[in-house]
Amino acid sequence: MTDEMVHPNCVSRGNVYGCPHCHVRIATWQSQTDATCPWCNTQLLRSDTTHSDSLPECLMPFTVSREQAVAALHRYAGKTLFAPDAFEAHVERAQAVFVPFWIVNAKAIGSVALLGHIALRRSRTYYAARRAGRKSFADLSVTASTHMSDTHLDSVGPYSIDDPQPFSGDRVGDVATELPSKTALSAADQVKALARESVYRSLLNSTLYSEYNQHSGWFAIGLDETVERHEEARVTRQRLFAMPAWILHCTWEGKDLLFAVNGQNGKCVGNLPLDNLKITIAELFAFFVGLGLVMLMAGMLMLTYLSDPKEQAEALLIPLSVGIGVGVVCAHAARARIMMQTQTAVETSHDDRAQGTHTFVPTIRWDSKPSHTIEEARQQLRDSER
């Protein structure tokens, strides 16, 4: 893909439809009179003719068909026993959409001055350190859509951008293309913030570590204070891509549910609805299991140490109350476990969310001599400036 690629002239034939509810703009190259918004299922209204400056530069074609996407959603819904049986009827309504992503290249430089400690098994010394380095980032992906949370769109990745195709209405066909709602400047600011934080973490990681020494045992290098910190980042290249996705929006018991299927690899993401009746049955089962185990152990102890039936009956009151408490705890634990299994997995790492490639090159590495106090290490840090 060259920097000289421009939008094809045929984009002016496309039409824009706007959603009166969520205000998304959808470009299509087919005549559609009953199109609905993929994000909220609201009837779309004809807006105006598209302009090439708001269209993607490249697109990645669909490799997952409708049948495959629907099958993936069925498998996703079937991964838990607690999804409502009637929910799977909704997955047939999934819509093919080209979702806008900014693909960004960036570079960052940074430097830090640190004070820390080296913890051995029976002793602790202090150190000062200076680190500097540069980091390059290639093909970082930033969602250009604000109508689906970054959690959903970041989790449905990663997308491959090998062999991209120039964007054109002929290649899009009857698939709706969402127009970007996040500007290039906003995406660049987001990437630069990520790059600055990433180079800072790389500088720290070159200092902080732990390992095992057979003579002294475990030792770790810890951070006590960041004395100086400086990072700069700049964007070197930025392109708008149209990425393939199957989007499903439905309402279940008054709640809006949104699911996405990666149009390249079939990966699904979304929070599944829960069948309250099935959860109640699971809670009751866990409650009686907890209660039953306590009562079983109490009964075995009473048969061993108490022979009078009256004493046994009186002694049952204590394990019964304990068993009820244990049962309640088991029921709450069962519900919490069910909720955790049906929630969307979210990547929280800065570098993981970027989904690109990163290369870090250290340029300065200075370490002080071990000191008995942190003030001695601080003085060595000051002396290193001279």
Protein backbone atom coordinates (compact mmCIF):
# COMPACT_ATOMS: atom_id res chain seq x y z
CA MET A 1 0.00 0.00 0.00
CA THR A 2 1.53 3.30 -1.03
CA ASP A 3 1.11 6.72 0.51
CA GLU A 4 -0.20 8.02 -2.82
CA MET A 5 -3.38 5.92 -2.74
CA VAL A 6 -6.45 8.15 -3.02
CA HIS A 7 -10.16 7.59 -2.94
CA PRO A 8 -11.65 6.28 -6.17
CA ASN A 9 -13.85 8.64 -8.11
CA CYS A 10 -16.85 6.32 -7.98
CA VAL A 11 -17.48 7.04 -4.27
CA SER A 12 -19.65 10.02 -5.15
CA ARG A 13 -22.37 7.61 -6.29
CA GLY A 14 -22.95 6.41 -2.75
CA ASN A 15 -25.77 7.58 -0.53
CA VAL A 16 -25.73 8.44 3.15
CA TYR A 17 -28.40 7.35 5.58
CA GLY A 18 -28.59 8.80 9.07
CA CYS A 19 -30.00 7.24 12.22
CA PRO A 20 -32.34 9.61 14.08
CA HIS A 21 -31.74 7.71 17.32
CA CYS A 22 -27.97 7.16 17.67
CA HIS A 23 -26.95 9.63 14.89
CA VAL A 24 -24.70 7.15 13.09
CA ARG A 25 -24.06 7.81 9.38
CA ILE A 26 -24.15 4.84 7.03
CA ALA A 27 -22.98 4.97 3.41
CA THR A 28 -24.44 2.51 0.92
CA TRP A 29 -24.08 1.92 -2.81
CA GLN A 30 -27.39 0.11 -3.21
CA SER A 31 -30.90 1.55 -3.22
CA GLN A 32 -32.33 0.80 0.23
CA THR A 33 -35.73 2.00 1.34
CA ASP A 34 -36.09 -0.10 4.49
CA ALA A 35 -32.54 -0.06 5.87
CA THR A 36 -32.18 -0.22 9.64
CA CYS A 37 -29.34 0.98 11.84
CA PRO A 38 -27.04 -1.92 12.79
CA TRP A 39 -26.34 -0.32 16.17
CA CYS A 40 -29.91 0.26 17.38
CA ASN A 41 -32.31 -1.22 14.75
CA THR A 42 -33.89 2.18 14.10
CA GLN A 43 -35.18 2.95 10.58
CA LEU A 44 -32.52 4.91 8.70
CA LEU A 45 -33.36 8.20 6.95
CA ARG A 46 -31.83 9.37 3.68
CA SER A 47 -29.32 12.11 4.38
CA ASP A 48 -27.06 13.39 1.59
CA THR A 49 -24.47 12.30 -0.95
CA THR A 50 -21.20 10.97 0.41
CA HIS A 51 -18.01 12.93 0.20
CA SER A 52 -14.73 11.19 -0.44
CA ASP A 53 -12.99 12.92 2.47
CA SER A 54 -15.18 11.01 4.94
CA LEU A 55 -14.77 7.60 3.31
CA PRO A 56 -12.13 4.98 4.17
CA GLU A 57 -9.00 4.76 2.09
CA CYS A 58 -8.77 0.96 2.24
CA LEU A 59 -10.98 -1.97 3.09
CA MET A 60 -10.46 -5.53 4.19
CA PRO A 61 -12.96 -7.90 2.56
CA PHE A 62 -15.28 -10.28 4.39
CA THR A 63 -14.03 -13.83 4.71
CA VAL A 64 -16.80 -14.90 7.13
CA SER A 65 -20.16 -15.47 5.43
CA ARG A 66 -23.55 -14.79 6.96
CA GLU A 67 -24.04 -18.51 7.62
CA GLN A 68 -20.67 -18.72 9.36
CA ALA A 69 -21.37 -15.58 11.43
CA VAL A 70 -24.77 -16.88 12.53
CA ALA A 71 -23.21 -20.24 13.43
CA ALA A 72 -20.52 -18.43 15.44
CA LEU A 73 -23.18 -16.47 17.34
CA HIS A 74 -25.09 -19.70 18.05
CA ARG A 75 -21.92 -21.24 19.46
CA TYR A 76 -21.22 -18.09 21.47
CA ALA A 77 -24.73 -18.12 22.94
CA GLY A 78 -24.43 -21.82 23.67
CA LYS A 79 -21.20 -21.49 25.63
CA THR A 80 -23.25 -21.05 28.81
CA LEU A 81 -26.24 -23.00 30.04
CA PHE A 82 -27.79 -19.85 31.45
CA ALA A 83 -28.56 -17.93 28.26
CA PRO A 84 -32.30 -17.86 27.44
CA ASP A 85 -33.30 -20.46 24.87
CA ALA A 86 -35.35 -17.87 22.98
CA PHE A 87 -32.34 -15.57 22.57
CA GLU A 88 -30.80 -17.65 19.80
CA ALA A 89 -33.68 -16.70 17.51
CA HIS A 90 -32.28 -13.14 17.43
CA VAL A 91 -28.92 -14.06 15.92
CA GLU A 92 -30.44 -14.41 12.45
CA ARG A 93 -30.76 -10.59 12.35
CA ALA A 94 -27.00 -9.94 12.29
CA GLN A 95 -26.03 -7.29 9.71
CA ALA A 96 -22.85 -7.01 7.69
CA VAL A 97 -21.14 -3.67 8.29
CA PHE A 98 -17.80 -2.16 7.37
CA VAL A 99 -16.65 -0.52 10.62
CA PRO A 100 -14.13 2.37 10.36
CA PHE A 101 -10.72 2.00 11.99
CA TRP A 102 -7.79 4.34 11.98
CA ILE A 103 -4.53 2.45 11.29
CA VAL A 104 -1.69 4.53 12.67
CA ASN A 105 2.12 4.38 12.70
CA ALA A 106 3.90 6.35 15.39
CA LYS A 107 7.27 6.92 17.07
CA ALA A 108 8.02 7.86 20.66
CA ILE A 109 11.10 8.75 22.69
CA GLY A 110 11.41 8.86 26.44
CA SER A 111 13.74 9.16 29.39
CA VAL A 112 13.40 8.51 33.11
CA ALA A 113 15.45 8.94 36.27
CA LEU A 114 14.55 6.45 38.99
CA LEU A 115 15.26 5.66 42.62
CA GLY A 116 14.65 2.15 43.80
CA HIS A 117 15.77 -0.73 45.98
CA ILE A 118 17.31 -4.14 45.54
CA ALA A 119 15.69 -6.56 47.95
CA LEU A 120 17.69 -9.65 48.80
CA ARG A 121 16.55 -12.36 51.13
CA ARG A 122 18.05 -10.73 54.24
CA SER A 123 19.15 -7.28 53.13
CA ARG A 124 18.13 -4.26 51.10
CA THR A 125 20.23 -1.75 49.19
CA TYR A 126 19.21 1.30 47.16
CA TYR A 127 20.07 2.37 43.65
CA ALA A 128 19.61 5.19 41.15
CA ALA A 129 19.15 4.67 37.42
CA ARG A 130 18.75 6.59 34.20
CA ARG A 131 17.08 5.12 31.16
CA ALA A 132 16.31 6.49 27.71
CA GLY A 133 15.05 4.89 24.57
CA ARG A 134 12.90 5.12 21.51
CA LYS A 135 9.98 2.99 20.39
CA SER A 136 8.30 2.62 17.04
CA PHE A 137 4.73 1.49 16.51
CA ALA A 138 3.36 0.02 13.30
CA ASP A 139 -0.27 -0.53 12.35
CA LEU A 140 -1.90 0.47 15.62
CA SER A 141 -5.67 0.21 15.32
CA VAL A 142 -7.98 2.85 16.78
CA THR A 143 -11.71 2.63 16.33
CA ALA A 144 -13.17 5.51 14.34
CA SER A 145 -16.67 4.65 15.56
CA THR A 146 -18.14 6.13 18.72
CA HIS A 147 -21.37 4.16 18.43
CA MET A 148 -19.88 0.99 19.85
CA SER A 149 -17.68 1.01 22.92
CA ASP A 150 -13.92 0.67 22.52
CA THR A 151 -14.25 -2.41 24.73
CA HIS A 152 -16.37 -4.20 22.11
CA LEU A 153 -14.41 -3.16 19.06
CA ASP A 154 -11.00 -3.70 20.66
CA SER A 155 -12.07 -7.10 21.96
CA VAL A 156 -13.38 -8.30 18.59
CA GLY A 157 -9.92 -7.78 17.10
CA PRO A 158 -7.26 -8.22 16.06
CA TYR A 159 -7.83 -7.53 12.38
CA SER A 160 -5.29 -8.43 9.76
CA ILE A 161 -4.41 -5.65 7.33
CA ASP A 162 -2.32 -7.76 4.99
CA ASP A 163 -3.07 -7.04 1.34
CA PRO A 164 -5.67 -4.24 1.79
CA GLN A 165 -7.87 -3.24 -1.13
CA PRO A 166 -8.65 0.31 -2.27
CA PHE A 167 -12.07 1.38 -1.06
CA SER A 168 -14.74 1.62 -3.73
CA GLY A 169 -18.47 1.21 -4.05
CA ASP A 170 -18.01 -1.76 -6.37
CA ARG A 171 -16.06 -3.64 -3.72
CA VAL A 172 -18.47 -2.69 -0.93
CA GLY A 173 -21.53 -3.91 -2.81
CA ASP A 174 -24.66 -4.05 -0.69
CA VAL A 175 -22.76 -3.96 2.63
CA ALA A 176 -23.33 -0.83 4.72
CA THR A 177 -20.27 1.27 5.52
CA GLU A 178 -20.25 3.29 8.70
CA LEU A 179 -18.70 6.70 8.25
CA PRO A 180 -16.14 7.74 10.88
CA SER A 181 -17.37 9.67 13.88
CA LYS A 182 -13.90 9.98 15.42
CA THR A 183 -11.69 12.48 13.63
CA ALA A 184 -8.13 11.86 12.51
CA LEU A 185 -6.89 14.39 15.06
CA SER A 186 -8.71 12.64 17.90
CA ALA A 187 -7.30 9.26 16.84
CA ALA A 188 -3.79 10.71 16.58
CA ASP A 189 -4.06 12.17 20.09
CA GLN A 190 -5.19 8.78 21.38
CA VAL A 191 -2.26 7.00 19.73
CA LYS A 192 0.27 9.55 20.96
CA ALA A 193 -0.99 9.14 24.53
CA LEU A 194 -0.71 5.37 24.17
CA ALA A 195 2.78 5.65 22.69
CA ARG A 196 4.01 7.90 25.50
CA GLU A 197 2.71 5.54 28.15
CA SER A 198 4.08 2.51 26.31
CA VAL A 199 7.64 3.87 26.01
CA TYR A 200 7.55 4.80 29.70
CA ARG A 201 6.55 1.23 30.62
CA SER A 202 9.32 -0.13 28.42
CA LEU A 203 11.86 2.05 30.23
CA LEU A 204 10.59 0.81 33.59
CA ASN A 205 10.63 -2.81 32.44
CA SER A 206 14.31 -2.46 31.54
CA THR A 207 14.98 -1.66 35.22
CA LEU A 208 12.48 -3.64 37.28
CA TYR A 209 12.78 -7.40 37.43
CA SER A 210 13.23 -10.32 39.83
CA GLU A 211 15.20 -13.54 39.58
CA TYR A 212 16.55 -16.35 41.69
CA ASN A 213 20.20 -16.51 42.67
CA GLN A 214 21.36 -19.84 44.05
CA HIS A 215 23.68 -18.15 46.57
CA SER A 216 21.48 -15.33 47.89
CA GLY A 217 17.99 -16.62 47.07
CA TRP A 218 15.28 -14.48 45.49
CA PHE A 219 16.07 -10.86 44.85
CA ALA A 220 13.98 -8.14 43.23
CA ILE A 221 14.61 -4.65 41.94
CA GLY A 222 11.76 -2.36 42.97
CA LEU A 223 10.81 1.24 42.17
CA ASP A 224 10.58 3.78 44.97
CA GLU A 225 10.36 7.09 43.09
CA THR A 226 10.30 8.45 39.54
CA VAL A 227 12.46 11.56 39.87
CA GLU A 228 12.31 12.66 36.23
CA ARG A 229 10.12 11.56 33.38
CA HIS A 230 9.84 12.82 29.81
CA GLU A 231 8.12 11.36 26.73
CA GLU A 232 7.38 12.66 23.27
CA ALA A 233 5.38 10.99 20.51
CA ARG A 234 4.46 11.78 16.94
CA VAL A 235 2.32 10.12 14.28
CA THR A 236 4.19 9.18 11.11
CA ARG A 237 1.34 7.71 9.06
CA GLN A 238 -2.42 7.48 9.40
CA ARG A 239 -4.98 5.70 7.19
CA LEU A 240 -8.70 5.06 7.49
CA PHE A 241 -9.67 1.42 6.99
CA ALA A 242 -13.07 -0.24 6.63
CA MET A 243 -13.00 -3.47 8.65
CA PRO A 244 -15.60 -6.23 8.15
CA ALA A 245 -17.92 -7.07 11.04
CA TRP A 246 -21.27 -8.68 11.64
CA ILE A 247 -23.25 -6.56 14.08
CA LEU A 248 -26.23 -7.76 16.10
CA HIS A 249 -28.37 -5.45 18.22
CA CYS A 250 -31.33 -6.70 20.19
CA THR A 251 -33.37 -5.74 23.21
CA TRP A 252 -33.84 -8.28 25.97
CA GLU A 253 -35.98 -7.52 29.02
CA GLY A 254 -35.60 -3.78 28.44
CA LYS A 255 -31.81 -3.90 28.02
CA ASP A 256 -29.95 -3.10 24.80
CA LEU A 257 -27.53 -5.87 23.86
CA LEU A 258 -24.82 -5.45 21.24
CA PHE A 259 -22.73 -8.23 19.69
CA ALA A 260 -20.02 -8.16 17.06
CA VAL A 261 -18.46 -10.91 14.97
CA ASN A 262 -15.08 -10.35 13.35
CA GLY A 263 -15.66 -10.58 9.59
CA GLN A 264 -12.21 -12.10 9.08
CA ASN A 265 -11.91 -14.82 11.73
CA GLY A 266 -15.39 -15.20 13.25
CA LYS A 267 -14.42 -14.08 16.76
CA CYS A 268 -17.49 -13.03 18.78
CA VAL A 269 -17.82 -10.48 21.56
CA GLY A 270 -20.78 -9.26 23.59
CA ASN A 271 -22.51 -9.69 26.94
CA LEU A 272 -25.03 -12.51 26.82
CA PRO A 273 -28.45 -12.13 28.49
CA LEU A 274 -29.23 -14.44 31.39
CA ASP A 275 -32.29 -16.54 32.08
CA ASN A 276 -33.35 -15.63 35.62
CA LEU A 277 -35.20 -18.93 36.06
CA LYS A 278 -32.08 -20.94 35.18
CA ILE A 279 -29.98 -18.81 37.53
CA THR A 280 -32.50 -19.29 40.35
CA ILE A 281 -32.40 -23.05 39.84
CA ALA A 282 -28.58 -22.96 39.94
CA GLU A 283 -28.66 -20.86 43.12
CA LEU A 284 -31.10 -23.26 44.80
CA PHE A 285 -28.93 -26.20 43.78
CA ALA A 286 -25.81 -24.55 45.23
CA PHE A 287 -27.75 -23.62 48.40
CA PHE A 288 -28.92 -27.17 49.06
CA VAL A 289 -25.49 -28.60 48.24
CA GLY A 290 -23.91 -26.32 50.86
CA LEU A 291 -26.64 -27.05 53.38
CA GLY A 292 -26.51 -30.77 52.68
CA LEU A 293 -22.75 -31.04 53.14
CA VAL A 294 -22.87 -29.28 56.51
CA MET A 295 -25.79 -31.38 57.73
CA LEU A 296 -24.12 -34.58 56.53
CA MET A 297 -20.93 -33.84 58.44
CA ALA A 298 -22.93 -32.80 61.53
CA GLY A 299 -25.02 -35.97 61.37
CA MET A 300 -21.93 -38.16 61.20
CA LEU A 301 -20.46 -36.41 64.25
CA MET A 302 -23.69 -36.71 66.24
CA LEU A 303 -24.02 -40.41 65.49
CA THR A 304 -20.47 -40.84 66.73
CA TYR A 305 -20.65 -38.81 69.94
CA LEU A 306 -24.38 -38.56 70.84
CA SER A 307 -26.58 -41.57 71.46
CA ASP A 308 -29.65 -39.90 72.97
CA PRO A 309 -32.17 -38.97 70.19
CA LYS A 310 -33.30 -35.92 72.19
CA GLU A 311 -29.75 -34.62 72.42
CA GLN A 312 -29.27 -35.27 68.71
CA ALA A 313 -32.39 -33.26 67.84
CA GLU A 314 -31.27 -30.32 69.99
CA ALA A 315 -27.77 -30.47 68.56
CA LEU A 316 -29.12 -30.22 65.01
CA LEU A 317 -30.11 -26.58 65.51
CA ILE A 318 -26.52 -25.32 65.42
CA PRO A 319 -25.41 -27.14 62.24
CA LEU A 320 -28.74 -26.24 60.62
CA SER A 321 -28.13 -22.53 61.09
CA VAL A 322 -24.52 -22.94 59.96
CA GLY A 323 -25.66 -24.96 56.95
CA ILE A 324 -28.15 -22.28 55.94
CA GLY A 325 -25.37 -19.68 56.06
CA VAL A 326 -23.06 -21.87 54.00
CA GLY A 327 -25.86 -22.50 51.52
CA VAL A 328 -26.47 -18.78 51.09
CA VAL A 329 -22.76 -18.21 50.49
CA CYS A 330 -22.71 -21.02 47.91
CA ALA A 331 -25.76 -19.54 46.15
CA HIS A 332 -24.13 -16.09 45.93
CA ALA A 333 -20.88 -17.64 44.71
CA ALA A 334 -22.77 -19.56 42.02
CA ARG A 335 -24.44 -16.36 40.76
CA ALA A 336 -21.15 -14.47 40.76
CA ARG A 337 -19.50 -17.28 38.81
CA ILE A 338 -22.28 -17.30 36.24
CA MET A 339 -22.05 -13.53 35.78
CA MET A 340 -18.28 -13.70 35.29
CA GLN A 341 -18.57 -16.38 32.63
CA THR A 342 -21.06 -14.39 30.55
CA GLN A 343 -19.28 -11.03 30.60
CA THR A 344 -17.11 -9.75 27.76
CA ALA A 345 -13.41 -10.36 28.12
CA VAL A 346 -11.64 -7.01 27.98
CA GLU A 347 -8.01 -6.36 27.18
CA THR A 348 -6.65 -3.79 29.58
CA SER A 349 -3.00 -3.74 28.56
CA HIS A 350 -2.03 -0.59 26.66
CA ASP A 351 0.09 -2.49 24.16
CA ASP A 352 -2.46 -5.29 23.74
CA ARG A 353 -5.26 -2.89 22.93
CA ALA A 354 -3.13 -1.28 20.24
CA GLN A 355 -2.95 -4.62 18.37
CA GLY A 356 0.01 -3.44 16.34
CA THR A 357 3.73 -4.18 16.41
CA HIS A 358 6.17 -2.41 18.70
CA THR A 359 9.96 -2.12 18.64
CA PHE A 360 11.87 -0.66 21.61
CA VAL A 361 15.51 0.44 21.32
CA PRO A 362 17.34 1.59 24.50
CA THR A 363 19.73 4.52 24.03
CA ILE A 364 20.88 5.32 27.60
CA ARG A 365 21.44 2.88 30.45
CA TRP A 366 23.15 4.13 33.62
CA ASP A 367 23.06 2.54 37.07
CA SER A 368 24.51 3.84 40.30
CA LYS A 369 26.55 1.83 42.76
CA PRO A 370 24.50 0.15 45.51
CA SER A 371 23.85 2.47 48.45
CA HIS A 372 22.86 1.81 52.05
CA THR A 373 20.25 4.61 52.06
CA ILE A 374 18.00 6.12 49.45
CA GLU A 375 19.54 9.56 50.06
CA GLU A 376 22.96 8.24 49.05
CA ALA A 377 21.42 6.92 45.84
CA ARG A 378 19.72 10.29 45.27
CA GLN A 379 23.08 12.03 45.60
CA GLN A 380 24.61 9.72 43.00
CA LEU A 381 21.74 10.60 40.68
CA ARG A 382 22.47 14.33 41.13
CA ASP A 383 26.18 13.74 40.51
CA SER A 384 25.39 11.93 37.26
CA GLU A 385 23.96 15.16 35.83
CA ARG A 386 27.31 16.91 36.04
